[in-house]
């Protein structure tokens, strides 16, 4: 039976169109939050991401500090200590992206998406509610994680005197930007989940956008690469994580805006698929 048919037969559907107003966005958000916090995968993925971000940030910072002088290229010091301490985000984005995908495709796998759509006949509130829950949760925890990654990383750099404090130019911006970046990765996962509906396919698409596109971009002729690569999702979004930038990259917040457009495009694609195809 189609989700549309189920929705038409449900009491929630009838009462809403009778003017009772029993279905609204706030209640849908509350329902999605209950689902989200009830899933073990939500807490497992988030914990994994935080451990990776903080742990790898500390490891990279300590190793960079102890090997800062000398080296095969004669590099002395640490040119961008803020970026070094947040380097763990490059791997932490993977479990965060999977978190976004599973929040959607898990319902398709179990068939519970039919119940969700039966209770909410207009399908856009389901997409919006999932995005709101995912965004608020990830923004709060991931920003806190970036803060501790920065502190622990700078402590490692300070073992050799290369660390900086929160008052350093770009430090607070990088911490907040790191939380926003991981949040957009999760929303990109939500969009891929709705658009593809298969956990494996959505995760493969997400990783392709984040990791494979930059590799393909590097294979382009140099005259093309310097114009194309700066607009790729990860290349654009991660510019905010440091203070030293390549002249052929976007500015910090401009890059974040470009990455936000990628996430928005994925969400819109997912909404279009949800409206046109049965659950």
Protein backbone atom coordinates (compact mmCIF):
# COMPACT_ATOMS: atom_id res chain seq x y z
CA UNK A 1 0.00 0.00 0.00
CA UNK A 2 1.35 3.44 -0.87
CA UNK A 3 2.29 6.02 1.71
CA UNK A 4 -0.25 8.37 0.17
CA UNK A 5 -3.03 5.87 0.68
CA UNK A 6 -1.91 5.22 4.24
CA UNK A 7 -1.82 8.93 4.92
CA UNK A 8 -5.32 9.45 3.57
CA UNK A 9 -6.67 6.72 5.85
CA UNK A 10 -4.90 7.89 8.99
CA UNK A 11 -6.69 9.88 11.73
CA UNK A 12 -3.92 12.49 11.65
CA UNK A 13 -4.48 13.06 7.96
CA UNK A 14 -8.25 13.37 8.42
CA UNK A 15 -8.07 15.70 11.39
CA UNK A 16 -5.56 18.02 9.73
CA UNK A 17 -7.66 18.52 6.65
CA UNK A 18 -10.76 18.83 8.77
CA UNK A 19 -9.16 21.86 10.40
CA UNK A 20 -8.17 20.24 13.69
CA UNK A 21 -4.54 21.16 13.13
CA UNK A 22 -3.16 18.10 14.95
CA UNK A 23 -0.11 17.94 12.67
CA UNK A 24 2.37 20.80 12.74
CA UNK A 25 6.08 21.20 12.21
CA UNK A 26 6.90 21.51 15.91
CA UNK A 27 5.25 18.17 16.67
CA UNK A 28 7.02 16.55 13.73
CA UNK A 29 10.35 17.87 15.02
CA UNK A 30 9.58 16.49 18.48
CA UNK A 31 8.74 13.12 16.96
CA UNK A 32 11.95 13.05 14.93
CA UNK A 33 13.98 13.96 18.01
CA UNK A 34 12.51 11.01 19.89
CA UNK A 35 13.50 8.74 17.01
CA UNK A 36 16.98 10.23 16.79
CA UNK A 37 17.85 9.97 20.46
CA UNK A 38 16.46 6.43 20.61
CA UNK A 39 18.88 5.14 17.97
CA UNK A 40 22.14 3.67 19.24
CA UNK A 41 23.77 4.60 15.94
CA UNK A 42 23.23 8.30 16.72
CA UNK A 43 25.30 8.21 19.88
CA UNK A 44 27.84 5.72 18.54
CA UNK A 45 28.56 7.77 15.40
CA UNK A 46 28.77 11.04 17.34
CA UNK A 47 31.06 9.58 19.99
CA UNK A 48 33.29 8.07 17.31
CA UNK A 49 33.52 11.40 15.50
CA UNK A 50 34.43 13.31 18.68
CA UNK A 51 37.07 10.76 19.68
CA UNK A 52 38.59 10.91 16.21
CA UNK A 53 38.55 14.72 16.04
CA UNK A 54 40.14 15.19 19.45
CA UNK A 55 42.45 12.17 19.39
CA UNK A 56 43.86 12.67 15.91
CA UNK A 57 44.12 16.41 16.48
CA UNK A 58 46.27 15.75 19.54
CA UNK A 59 48.39 13.15 17.72
CA UNK A 60 48.98 15.27 14.63
CA UNK A 61 49.78 18.32 16.74
CA UNK A 62 52.33 16.50 18.87
CA UNK A 63 54.01 14.88 15.87
CA UNK A 64 54.07 18.15 13.96
CA UNK A 65 55.59 19.95 16.92
CA UNK A 66 58.33 17.39 17.46
CA UNK A 67 59.24 17.34 13.75
CA UNK A 68 58.79 21.03 13.00
CA UNK A 69 62.48 21.89 12.79
CA UNK A 70 64.41 20.63 9.81
CA UNK A 71 62.88 18.02 7.53
CA UNK A 72 63.51 17.24 3.86
CA UNK A 73 62.20 20.60 2.67
CA UNK A 74 63.80 22.70 5.35
CA UNK A 75 60.44 23.71 6.85
CA UNK A 76 60.89 25.36 10.22
CA UNK A 77 58.06 25.89 12.69
CA UNK A 78 54.34 25.27 12.25
CA UNK A 79 52.87 27.72 9.70
CA UNK A 80 49.21 27.05 10.58
CA UNK A 81 48.86 25.65 14.13
CA UNK A 82 45.09 26.14 14.15
CA UNK A 83 44.57 23.90 11.13
CA UNK A 84 46.94 21.27 12.54
CA UNK A 85 44.91 20.93 15.75
CA UNK A 86 41.68 20.54 13.74
CA UNK A 87 43.12 18.09 11.23
CA UNK A 88 41.17 15.25 12.84
CA UNK A 89 37.97 16.69 11.36
CA UNK A 90 39.00 15.30 7.97
CA UNK A 91 38.33 11.80 9.30
CA UNK A 92 35.66 12.72 11.86
CA UNK A 93 33.42 13.91 9.02
CA UNK A 94 32.94 10.32 7.88
CA UNK A 95 30.97 9.02 10.92
CA UNK A 96 29.08 12.32 11.03
CA UNK A 97 28.06 11.89 7.40
CA UNK A 98 27.04 8.29 8.05
CA UNK A 99 24.94 9.56 10.97
CA UNK A 100 22.99 11.78 8.59
CA UNK A 101 22.47 8.96 6.09
CA UNK A 102 21.33 6.41 8.69
CA UNK A 103 18.83 8.81 10.21
CA UNK A 104 16.93 8.57 6.92
CA UNK A 105 17.74 5.22 5.35
CA UNK A 106 17.24 3.35 8.62
CA UNK A 107 13.52 4.08 8.32
CA UNK A 108 13.44 2.87 4.74
CA UNK A 109 15.21 -0.34 5.75
CA UNK A 110 12.69 -1.13 8.49
CA UNK A 111 9.64 0.21 6.64
CA UNK A 112 8.90 2.76 9.38
CA UNK A 113 9.03 5.54 6.82
CA UNK A 114 5.50 4.52 5.80
CA UNK A 115 4.26 5.26 9.33
CA UNK A 116 6.04 8.61 9.34
CA UNK A 117 4.48 9.63 6.05
CA UNK A 118 1.07 8.34 7.10
CA UNK A 119 1.14 10.60 10.15
CA UNK A 120 2.48 13.56 8.16
CA UNK A 121 0.67 13.67 4.81
CA UNK A 122 2.62 16.69 3.57
CA UNK A 123 6.05 15.19 3.07
CA UNK A 124 8.17 18.32 3.34
CA UNK A 125 7.76 18.60 7.15
CA UNK A 126 9.42 15.19 7.53
CA UNK A 127 12.48 16.38 5.60
CA UNK A 128 12.61 19.71 7.41
CA UNK A 129 12.16 18.09 10.84
CA UNK A 130 14.97 15.60 10.24
CA UNK A 131 17.24 18.42 9.07
CA UNK A 132 16.40 20.55 12.13
CA UNK A 133 17.07 17.72 14.57
CA UNK A 134 20.28 16.72 12.83
CA UNK A 135 21.52 20.30 12.54
CA UNK A 136 20.86 21.34 16.15
CA UNK A 137 22.33 18.14 17.59
CA UNK A 138 25.45 18.15 15.41
CA UNK A 139 26.10 21.88 15.69
CA UNK A 140 26.05 21.75 19.49
CA UNK A 141 28.16 18.63 20.00
CA UNK A 142 30.53 19.12 17.09
CA UNK A 143 31.33 22.71 18.07
CA UNK A 144 32.15 21.49 21.57
CA UNK A 145 34.28 18.74 20.04
CA UNK A 146 36.16 21.27 17.88
CA UNK A 147 36.78 23.40 20.95
CA UNK A 148 38.40 20.52 22.83
CA UNK A 149 40.27 19.40 19.71
CA UNK A 150 41.75 22.90 19.50
CA UNK A 151 42.72 22.98 23.17
CA UNK A 152 44.26 19.50 23.19
CA UNK A 153 46.00 20.11 19.87
CA UNK A 154 47.50 23.40 21.00
CA UNK A 155 48.70 21.71 24.17
CA UNK A 156 50.55 19.22 21.96
CA UNK A 157 52.05 22.01 19.87
CA UNK A 158 53.02 23.88 23.02
CA UNK A 159 55.22 20.95 24.01
CA UNK A 160 57.70 22.56 21.61
CA UNK A 161 56.45 26.13 21.93
CA UNK A 162 54.40 26.29 18.72
CA UNK A 163 50.88 26.51 20.15
CA UNK A 164 48.53 29.48 20.09
CA UNK A 165 45.64 30.53 22.32
CA UNK A 166 41.97 31.24 21.76
CA UNK A 167 42.84 34.87 21.26
CA UNK A 168 44.91 34.11 18.16
CA UNK A 169 43.47 35.52 14.90
CA UNK A 170 41.11 32.98 13.35
CA UNK A 171 41.02 30.60 16.33
CA UNK A 172 37.41 31.14 17.42
CA UNK A 173 36.32 31.38 13.79
CA UNK A 174 37.92 28.01 13.04
CA UNK A 175 36.30 26.33 16.05
CA UNK A 176 32.82 27.62 15.18
CA UNK A 177 33.44 26.94 11.50
CA UNK A 178 34.49 23.39 12.27
CA UNK A 179 31.19 22.75 14.04
CA UNK A 180 29.28 24.25 11.12
CA UNK A 181 31.27 22.22 8.62
CA UNK A 182 30.51 18.91 10.35
CA UNK A 183 26.85 19.92 10.65
CA UNK A 184 26.68 20.54 6.90
CA UNK A 185 28.29 17.15 6.30
CA UNK A 186 25.49 15.56 8.33
CA UNK A 187 22.86 17.48 6.35
CA UNK A 188 24.53 16.41 3.11
CA UNK A 189 24.11 12.85 4.37
CA UNK A 190 20.42 13.47 5.10
CA UNK A 191 19.90 14.74 1.56
CA UNK A 192 21.72 11.76 0.05
CA UNK A 193 19.66 9.43 2.23
CA UNK A 194 16.34 10.82 0.99
CA UNK A 195 17.51 10.97 -2.62
CA UNK A 196 18.94 7.43 -2.81
CA UNK A 197 17.10 5.60 0.01
CA UNK A 198 19.74 2.89 0.20
CA UNK A 199 22.25 3.03 3.05
CA UNK A 200 25.12 1.67 0.97
CA UNK A 201 24.33 3.82 -2.05
CA UNK A 202 23.86 7.00 -0.01
CA UNK A 203 27.10 6.50 1.94
CA UNK A 204 28.99 5.79 -1.29
CA UNK A 205 27.56 8.96 -2.85
CA UNK A 206 28.40 11.02 0.23
CA UNK A 207 31.99 9.77 0.36
CA UNK A 208 32.28 10.30 -3.38
CA UNK A 209 31.25 13.95 -3.04
CA UNK A 210 33.58 14.58 -0.11
CA UNK A 211 36.61 12.46 -0.93
CA UNK A 212 36.58 11.31 -4.55
CA UNK A 213 35.69 14.62 -6.23
CA UNK A 214 38.83 16.36 -4.88
CA UNK A 215 40.98 13.50 -6.22
CA UNK A 216 39.35 13.76 -9.62
CA UNK A 217 39.78 17.51 -9.53
CA UNK A 218 43.51 17.10 -9.03
CA UNK A 219 43.64 15.09 -12.25
CA UNK A 220 42.34 18.03 -14.27
CA UNK A 221 44.73 20.25 -16.23
CA UNK A 222 46.17 22.93 -13.97
CA UNK A 223 44.39 25.73 -15.81
CA UNK A 224 41.06 24.01 -15.07
CA UNK A 225 41.88 22.68 -11.62
CA UNK A 226 42.57 26.09 -10.07
CA UNK A 227 39.07 27.20 -11.06
CA UNK A 228 37.14 23.98 -10.36
CA UNK A 229 38.73 22.55 -7.21
CA UNK A 230 37.94 25.52 -5.01
CA UNK A 231 34.21 24.91 -5.47
CA UNK A 232 34.23 21.21 -4.57
CA UNK A 233 32.43 20.45 -1.28
CA UNK A 234 35.28 19.56 1.06
CA UNK A 235 37.75 21.97 -0.51
CA UNK A 236 35.33 24.85 -0.05
CA UNK A 237 34.07 23.99 3.42
CA UNK A 238 37.44 23.34 5.08
CA UNK A 239 38.97 26.70 4.23
CA UNK A 240 37.66 28.03 7.52
CA UNK A 241 39.73 25.57 9.56
CA UNK A 242 42.97 27.51 9.19
CA UNK A 243 44.57 30.88 8.62
CA UNK A 244 46.99 30.03 5.82
CA UNK A 245 45.24 29.80 2.44
CA UNK A 246 46.25 29.00 -1.09
CA UNK A 247 45.63 32.01 -3.38
CA UNK A 248 43.51 29.78 -5.62
CA UNK A 249 41.01 28.88 -2.86
CA UNK A 250 37.87 30.61 -1.64
CA UNK A 251 37.71 32.74 1.47
CA UNK A 252 36.70 31.12 4.76
CA UNK A 253 33.03 32.07 4.87
CA UNK A 254 32.63 32.16 1.11
CA UNK A 255 33.78 28.55 1.00
CA UNK A 256 31.39 27.65 3.81
CA UNK A 257 28.57 29.25 1.83
CA UNK A 258 29.46 27.17 -1.23
CA UNK A 259 29.46 24.00 0.87
CA UNK A 260 26.09 24.97 2.33
CA UNK A 261 24.73 25.21 -1.22
CA UNK A 262 25.93 21.65 -1.89
CA UNK A 263 24.08 20.44 1.23
CA UNK A 264 20.96 22.41 0.27
CA UNK A 265 21.02 20.94 -3.24
CA UNK A 266 21.18 17.42 -1.79
CA UNK A 267 18.25 18.13 0.54
CA UNK A 268 16.15 19.58 -2.28
CA UNK A 269 16.93 16.55 -4.43
CA UNK A 270 15.87 14.29 -1.57
CA UNK A 271 12.62 16.21 -1.11
CA UNK A 272 11.81 15.98 -4.83
CA UNK A 273 12.40 12.22 -4.79
CA UNK A 274 10.27 11.84 -1.65
CA UNK A 275 7.38 13.74 -3.24
CA UNK A 276 7.50 11.87 -6.55
CA UNK A 277 8.17 8.32 -5.44
CA UNK A 278 6.21 6.11 -3.10
CA UNK A 279 7.81 5.05 0.15
